[in-house]
Amino acid sequence: MRDLKIPEQRHPEKARRPDNAQPKKPDWIRVKAPTSREYMETRNIMRENKLVTVCEEAGCPNVGECWSQGHATMMIMGEVCTRACTFCNIATGKPPEELDAFEPGRVAHAVEKLGLNHVVITSVDRDDVEDGGAEHFAQTIRAIRHRSPSTTIEILTPDFIRCGPEALEVVVAAKPDVFNHNLETVPGLYPEVRPGARYFHSLRLLQRVKELDPTIFTKSGIMVGLGEDRQSVIQVMEDMRAADIDFLTIGQYLQPTPKHHAVDRFVHPDEFASYERTAFNKGFLMASASPLTRSSYHAGDDFARLRENRMKRLSQA
């Protein structure tokens, strides 16, 4: 039995990789350890409903702030991912269990108990499942709609690269408010950073969401500090806008362990601010770029701004 709390067992495919030095974090990227009562209440609700969160599994630096506000990003379909991206701290390998048919109901119960106005649901990659977990996503969306009809739903999905086109259609038909799929990095770094994925497949996935249902907001994000340059980031922005993506997030890559991809550099907050201005100038409805930006960071507030910006643009058309 694997113990996923032990790094060597969490990432067996990385065990033989040479160690990469983990540089000291600059002052602008440090956060306080979570201690609040509200944090513990959110944690207890997750435990009571036997739910996994990407906040914990990926080692998100914002977990204290978000959980103190009752916001947790729930990760469905287990805690073991079939991919082995070199940046990610989620456990990898062959998932030990089938999909849990009762999980959508437990997620919906937790959303109701937390009283969320906006919820983000993500997952591991499940290449061992025929539809990549598409129907499981759809069932989770429907369960939340049933228990909390006023809650807006944001999903952060895998790429469904080994599935037929009907997999994406199943998820889109469930009508999430936001469909997010992260490109993660610039195309030139995919072989090293995201070897199981394909840049243009991910881009096309998001474009097709809009073709299937133009009312759904599309969203994607990348990390910087992996070895990219500014021009390659700008090109990703251009590619996203060509695919009609509404919302862009850019955050600093943080190296989980010495076996993961090395941090190339810590990007200064001024550079993030420049990226955000550039994104808005290129026509994104919403953009968030800062060292601590993550896909679901401030997702509820950002969704409100996203919807407002769409209405403004439509009124000006």
Protein backbone atom coordinates (compact mmCIF):
# COMPACT_ATOMS: atom_id res chain seq x y z
CA MET A 1 0.00 0.00 0.00
CA ARG A 2 1.44 3.37 -1.05
CA ASP A 3 1.73 6.12 1.52
CA LEU A 4 1.03 9.30 -0.44
CA LYS A 5 2.45 11.43 2.36
CA ILE A 6 5.94 10.16 1.47
CA PRO A 7 7.39 12.08 -1.55
CA GLU A 8 9.20 9.01 -2.93
CA GLN A 9 5.93 7.07 -2.99
CA ARG A 10 3.93 10.06 -4.15
CA HIS A 11 6.03 10.47 -7.31
CA PRO A 12 7.71 7.12 -8.06
CA GLU A 13 8.49 8.12 -11.64
CA LYS A 14 10.63 11.02 -10.39
CA ALA A 15 12.70 8.97 -7.92
CA ARG A 16 15.68 8.62 -10.29
CA ARG A 17 15.67 12.23 -11.40
CA PRO A 18 18.58 14.36 -10.18
CA ASP A 19 17.75 16.85 -7.47
CA ASN A 20 17.14 20.45 -8.50
CA ALA A 21 18.06 23.13 -6.00
CA GLN A 22 15.09 24.93 -4.46
CA PRO A 23 16.00 28.63 -4.31
CA LYS A 24 14.91 30.81 -1.42
CA LYS A 25 11.59 32.53 -2.08
CA PRO A 26 11.57 36.32 -2.27
CA ASP A 27 9.58 38.32 0.28
CA TRP A 28 6.70 38.95 -2.12
CA ILE A 29 5.81 35.27 -2.38
CA ARG A 30 5.76 34.26 1.28
CA VAL A 31 2.47 33.52 3.04
CA LYS A 32 1.45 32.88 6.64
CA ALA A 33 0.62 29.40 7.90
CA PRO A 34 -3.16 28.83 8.19
CA THR A 35 -4.48 29.00 11.76
CA SER A 36 -7.97 30.56 11.70
CA ARG A 37 -11.15 28.95 13.04
CA GLU A 38 -12.79 29.35 9.63
CA TYR A 39 -9.90 27.45 8.03
CA MET A 40 -10.44 24.54 10.41
CA GLU A 41 -14.20 24.55 9.77
CA THR A 42 -13.63 24.28 6.01
CA ARG A 43 -11.09 21.54 6.58
CA ASN A 44 -13.54 19.60 8.75
CA ILE A 45 -16.29 19.80 6.11
CA MET A 46 -13.89 18.38 3.53
CA ARG A 47 -12.95 15.54 5.88
CA GLU A 48 -16.54 14.77 6.89
CA ASN A 49 -17.52 14.38 3.23
CA LYS A 50 -14.36 12.41 2.38
CA LEU A 51 -13.41 14.94 -0.29
CA VAL A 52 -10.00 15.61 -1.80
CA THR A 53 -8.93 19.20 -2.50
CA VAL A 54 -6.38 20.40 -5.01
CA CYS A 55 -5.51 23.07 -2.45
CA GLU A 56 -3.82 20.41 -0.31
CA GLU A 57 -2.73 17.93 -2.96
CA ALA A 58 -0.95 20.55 -5.09
CA GLY A 59 0.43 22.44 -2.08
CA CYS A 60 -1.25 25.74 -2.99
CA PRO A 61 0.26 28.73 -1.12
CA ASN A 62 -3.17 30.38 -0.85
CA VAL A 63 -4.87 27.59 1.11
CA GLY A 64 -4.92 29.56 4.36
CA GLU A 65 -6.56 32.63 2.83
CA CYS A 66 -9.08 30.74 0.70
CA TRP A 67 -10.15 28.20 3.33
CA SER A 68 -10.52 30.97 5.91
CA GLN A 69 -13.21 32.36 3.58
CA GLY A 70 -14.83 28.95 3.13
CA HIS A 71 -13.51 28.53 -0.41
CA ALA A 72 -11.99 25.16 -1.28
CA THR A 73 -11.35 23.76 -4.75
CA MET A 74 -12.61 20.19 -4.72
CA MET A 75 -10.73 17.58 -6.72
CA ILE A 76 -12.86 14.72 -7.98
CA MET A 77 -12.03 11.25 -9.37
CA GLY A 78 -9.49 10.33 -6.71
CA GLU A 79 -6.08 11.61 -5.61
CA VAL A 80 -3.79 9.74 -8.03
CA CYS A 81 -3.19 11.17 -11.51
CA THR A 82 -2.30 9.08 -14.56
CA ARG A 83 -0.04 11.83 -15.92
CA ALA A 84 3.44 12.73 -14.67
CA CYS A 85 3.88 16.44 -15.31
CA THR A 86 7.20 17.62 -13.93
CA PHE A 87 5.74 20.70 -12.21
CA CYS A 88 2.85 19.09 -10.34
CA ASN A 89 2.72 17.80 -6.76
CA ILE A 90 -0.39 15.63 -7.17
CA ALA A 91 0.41 11.94 -6.67
CA THR A 92 1.01 10.00 -9.88
CA GLY A 93 0.62 6.41 -11.06
CA LYS A 94 -2.23 3.98 -11.64
CA PRO A 95 -5.30 5.04 -9.65
CA PRO A 96 -6.17 2.30 -7.15
CA GLU A 97 -9.93 2.72 -7.39
CA GLU A 98 -12.80 3.07 -9.85
CA LEU A 99 -14.71 6.33 -9.97
CA ASP A 100 -16.91 6.78 -6.89
CA ALA A 101 -20.56 6.99 -7.96
CA PHE A 102 -21.47 8.73 -4.70
CA GLU A 103 -18.82 11.46 -4.99
CA PRO A 104 -20.96 13.97 -6.97
CA GLY A 105 -23.55 13.89 -4.18
CA ARG A 106 -20.93 14.42 -1.48
CA VAL A 107 -19.48 17.37 -3.39
CA ALA A 108 -22.95 18.90 -3.73
CA HIS A 109 -23.57 18.42 0.00
CA ALA A 110 -20.29 20.17 0.87
CA VAL A 111 -21.07 23.07 -1.48
CA GLU A 112 -24.46 23.49 0.19
CA LYS A 113 -23.01 23.27 3.71
CA LEU A 114 -20.30 25.83 2.91
CA GLY A 115 -22.92 28.16 1.42
CA LEU A 116 -20.80 28.87 -1.63
CA ASN A 117 -21.89 31.46 -4.18
CA HIS A 118 -19.25 30.17 -6.60
CA VAL A 119 -17.48 26.81 -6.59
CA VAL A 120 -14.50 25.44 -8.50
CA ILE A 121 -14.37 21.71 -9.27
CA THR A 122 -11.20 20.16 -10.70
CA SER A 123 -9.86 16.62 -11.08
CA VAL A 124 -6.88 14.43 -11.62
CA ASP A 125 -6.32 13.06 -15.13
CA ARG A 126 -7.95 9.65 -15.45
CA ASP A 127 -6.61 8.22 -18.71
CA ASP A 128 -7.65 4.79 -17.39
CA VAL A 129 -11.34 5.73 -17.74
CA GLU A 130 -12.90 5.46 -21.21
CA ASP A 131 -14.43 8.95 -21.25
CA GLY A 132 -11.68 10.53 -19.13
CA GLY A 133 -14.25 11.21 -16.41
CA ALA A 134 -16.49 13.43 -18.57
CA GLU A 135 -19.74 11.91 -17.30
CA HIS A 136 -18.48 12.17 -13.71
CA PHE A 137 -17.92 15.89 -14.21
CA ALA A 138 -21.42 16.23 -15.69
CA GLN A 139 -22.99 14.36 -12.77
CA THR A 140 -21.16 16.58 -10.29
CA ILE A 141 -22.39 19.73 -12.04
CA ARG A 142 -25.97 18.43 -12.03
CA ALA A 143 -25.78 17.42 -8.36
CA ILE A 144 -24.58 20.91 -7.35
CA ARG A 145 -27.32 22.54 -9.44
CA HIS A 146 -29.91 20.37 -7.66
CA ARG A 147 -28.69 21.16 -4.11
CA SER A 148 -27.53 24.77 -4.67
CA PRO A 149 -29.30 26.18 -7.75
CA SER A 150 -27.99 29.72 -7.22
CA THR A 151 -24.32 28.66 -6.99
CA THR A 152 -22.26 29.38 -10.09
CA ILE A 153 -20.02 26.51 -11.14
CA GLU A 154 -16.50 26.65 -12.54
CA ILE A 155 -14.80 23.46 -13.69
CA LEU A 156 -11.10 22.88 -14.34
CA THR A 157 -10.89 19.79 -16.52
CA PRO A 158 -8.32 17.41 -17.99
CA ASP A 159 -7.65 17.58 -21.74
CA PHE A 160 -9.61 14.39 -22.67
CA ILE A 161 -6.84 13.73 -25.19
CA ARG A 162 -7.47 9.99 -25.38
CA CYS A 163 -11.25 10.32 -25.72
CA GLY A 164 -13.63 10.84 -28.60
CA PRO A 165 -15.22 14.27 -29.20
CA GLU A 166 -18.36 13.19 -27.36
CA ALA A 167 -16.53 13.39 -24.01
CA LEU A 168 -16.25 17.17 -24.20
CA GLU A 169 -19.82 17.40 -25.47
CA VAL A 170 -21.09 15.60 -22.35
CA VAL A 171 -19.38 18.12 -20.06
CA VAL A 172 -20.49 21.16 -22.04
CA ALA A 173 -24.09 19.89 -22.14
CA ALA A 174 -24.14 20.01 -18.31
CA LYS A 175 -23.66 23.80 -18.69
CA PRO A 176 -20.99 24.88 -16.21
CA ASP A 177 -20.73 28.65 -15.94
CA VAL A 178 -16.97 28.60 -16.54
CA PHE A 179 -14.98 25.95 -18.40
CA ASN A 180 -11.32 26.14 -17.43
CA HIS A 181 -8.49 24.06 -18.82
CA ASN A 182 -4.94 25.23 -18.17
CA LEU A 183 -2.30 25.36 -20.89
CA GLU A 184 0.18 25.55 -17.98
CA THR A 185 3.22 26.75 -19.96
CA VAL A 186 4.47 27.91 -23.35
CA PRO A 187 4.55 25.31 -26.17
CA GLY A 188 8.35 25.07 -26.29
CA LEU A 189 8.44 23.74 -22.73
CA TYR A 190 5.76 21.05 -23.16
CA PRO A 191 8.16 18.12 -23.76
CA GLU A 192 9.82 18.75 -20.40
CA VAL A 193 7.03 20.27 -18.31
CA ARG A 194 3.86 18.60 -19.62
CA PRO A 195 5.00 15.55 -21.62
CA GLY A 196 1.64 13.74 -21.65
CA ALA A 197 -0.21 16.70 -23.17
CA ARG A 198 -0.24 18.59 -26.47
CA TYR A 199 -0.38 22.39 -26.57
CA PHE A 200 -2.57 22.75 -29.63
CA HIS A 201 -4.93 19.99 -28.49
CA SER A 202 -5.54 21.90 -25.25
CA LEU A 203 -6.02 25.14 -27.15
CA ARG A 204 -8.48 23.48 -29.54
CA LEU A 205 -10.39 21.96 -26.60
CA LEU A 206 -11.14 25.43 -25.25
CA GLN A 207 -12.02 26.77 -28.69
CA ARG A 208 -14.49 23.92 -29.20
CA VAL A 209 -16.23 24.67 -25.87
CA LYS A 210 -17.11 28.08 -27.27
CA GLU A 211 -18.30 26.53 -30.55
CA LEU A 212 -20.55 24.11 -28.67
CA ASP A 213 -21.97 26.74 -26.28
CA PRO A 214 -20.96 30.41 -26.72
CA THR A 215 -22.62 31.34 -23.41
CA ILE A 216 -20.05 29.43 -21.35
CA PHE A 217 -17.05 31.47 -20.22
CA THR A 218 -13.72 29.88 -21.10
CA LYS A 219 -10.62 30.26 -18.99
CA SER A 220 -7.01 29.12 -19.04
CA GLY A 221 -3.81 29.76 -17.16
CA ILE A 222 -0.06 29.43 -17.34
CA MET A 223 2.82 29.50 -14.87
CA VAL A 224 5.92 31.61 -15.36
CA GLY A 225 9.37 31.02 -13.96
CA LEU A 226 9.79 27.69 -15.75
CA GLY A 227 12.24 28.95 -18.35
CA GLU A 228 9.97 30.83 -20.78
CA ASP A 229 10.69 34.33 -22.10
CA ARG A 230 8.34 37.29 -22.41
CA GLN A 231 7.77 36.90 -26.13
CA SER A 232 6.63 33.29 -25.72
CA VAL A 233 4.13 34.38 -23.05
CA ILE A 234 2.78 37.08 -25.37
CA GLN A 235 2.41 34.46 -28.12
CA VAL A 236 0.36 32.25 -25.77
CA MET A 237 -1.92 35.26 -25.17
CA GLU A 238 -2.34 35.66 -28.93
CA ASP A 239 -3.13 31.96 -29.33
CA MET A 240 -5.70 32.11 -26.52
CA ARG A 241 -7.46 35.10 -28.01
CA ALA A 242 -7.57 33.37 -31.41
CA ALA A 243 -9.36 30.52 -29.58
CA ASP A 244 -11.80 33.06 -28.06
CA ILE A 245 -10.72 32.40 -24.47
CA ASP A 246 -12.27 34.92 -22.08
CA PHE A 247 -10.12 34.74 -18.95
CA LEU A 248 -6.35 34.37 -18.49
CA THR A 249 -4.49 33.65 -15.25
CA ILE A 250 -0.71 33.87 -14.83
CA GLY A 251 1.09 32.86 -11.64
CA GLN A 252 4.57 32.06 -10.37
CA TYR A 253 5.72 28.44 -10.60
CA LEU A 254 6.79 27.09 -7.20
CA GLN A 255 8.86 23.91 -7.09
CA PRO A 256 7.20 21.31 -4.80
CA THR A 257 10.24 19.07 -4.21
CA PRO A 258 13.88 18.78 -5.40
CA LYS A 259 12.74 16.11 -7.91
CA HIS A 260 10.39 18.50 -9.70
CA HIS A 261 11.19 20.94 -12.51
CA ALA A 262 13.59 23.63 -11.32
CA VAL A 263 12.48 27.21 -10.78
CA ASP A 264 14.20 29.23 -13.48
CA ARG A 265 13.53 32.55 -11.76
CA PHE A 266 11.09 34.40 -9.52
CA VAL A 267 9.21 36.88 -11.67
CA HIS A 268 8.91 40.34 -10.11
CA PRO A 269 5.40 41.69 -9.33
CA ASP A 270 5.99 44.58 -11.76
CA GLU A 271 6.40 42.08 -14.60
CA PHE A 272 3.17 40.35 -13.61
CA ALA A 273 1.40 43.72 -13.65
CA SER A 274 2.73 44.29 -17.17
CA TYR A 275 1.40 40.89 -18.29
CA GLU A 276 -2.02 41.73 -16.86
CA ARG A 277 -2.18 45.07 -18.69
CA THR A 278 -1.12 43.38 -21.92
CA ALA A 279 -3.81 40.72 -21.54
CA PHE A 280 -6.58 43.29 -21.15
CA ASN A 281 -5.19 45.22 -24.13
CA LYS A 282 -5.41 42.05 -26.21
CA GLY A 283 -9.12 41.72 -25.50
CA PHE A 284 -9.46 39.27 -22.61
CA LEU A 285 -12.63 39.93 -20.63
CA MET A 286 -10.71 39.16 -17.45
CA ALA A 287 -7.06 38.69 -16.55
CA SER A 288 -5.30 37.99 -13.28
CA ALA A 289 -1.51 37.98 -13.09
CA SER A 290 0.46 38.02 -9.85
CA PRO A 291 3.02 35.83 -8.08
CA LEU A 292 0.30 34.07 -6.04
CA THR A 293 -2.35 33.87 -8.78
CA ARG A 294 -3.73 30.36 -9.21
CA SER A 295 -6.66 29.11 -11.30
CA SER A 296 -9.16 29.25 -8.47
CA TYR A 297 -7.67 32.12 -6.45
CA HIS A 298 -10.42 34.73 -5.87
CA ALA A 299 -12.47 32.80 -8.45
CA GLY A 300 -15.84 34.03 -7.17
CA ASP A 301 -14.91 37.72 -7.23
CA ASP A 302 -13.23 37.27 -10.60
CA PHE A 303 -16.33 35.55 -12.01
CA ALA A 304 -18.47 38.53 -11.00
CA ARG A 305 -16.07 40.87 -12.81
CA LEU A 306 -15.96 38.52 -15.80
CA ARG A 307 -19.75 38.56 -16.14
CA GLU A 308 -19.88 42.32 -15.66
CA ASN A 309 -17.23 42.89 -18.32
CA ARG A 310 -19.14 40.74 -20.80
CA MET A 311 -22.30 42.79 -20.23
CA LYS A 312 -20.36 46.03 -20.74
CA ARG A 313 -18.86 44.75 -23.98
CA LEU A 314 -22.23 43.56 -25.29
CA SER A 315 -23.83 46.93 -24.48
CA GLN A 316 -21.09 48.70 -26.45
CA ALA A 317 -21.43 46.42 -29.50
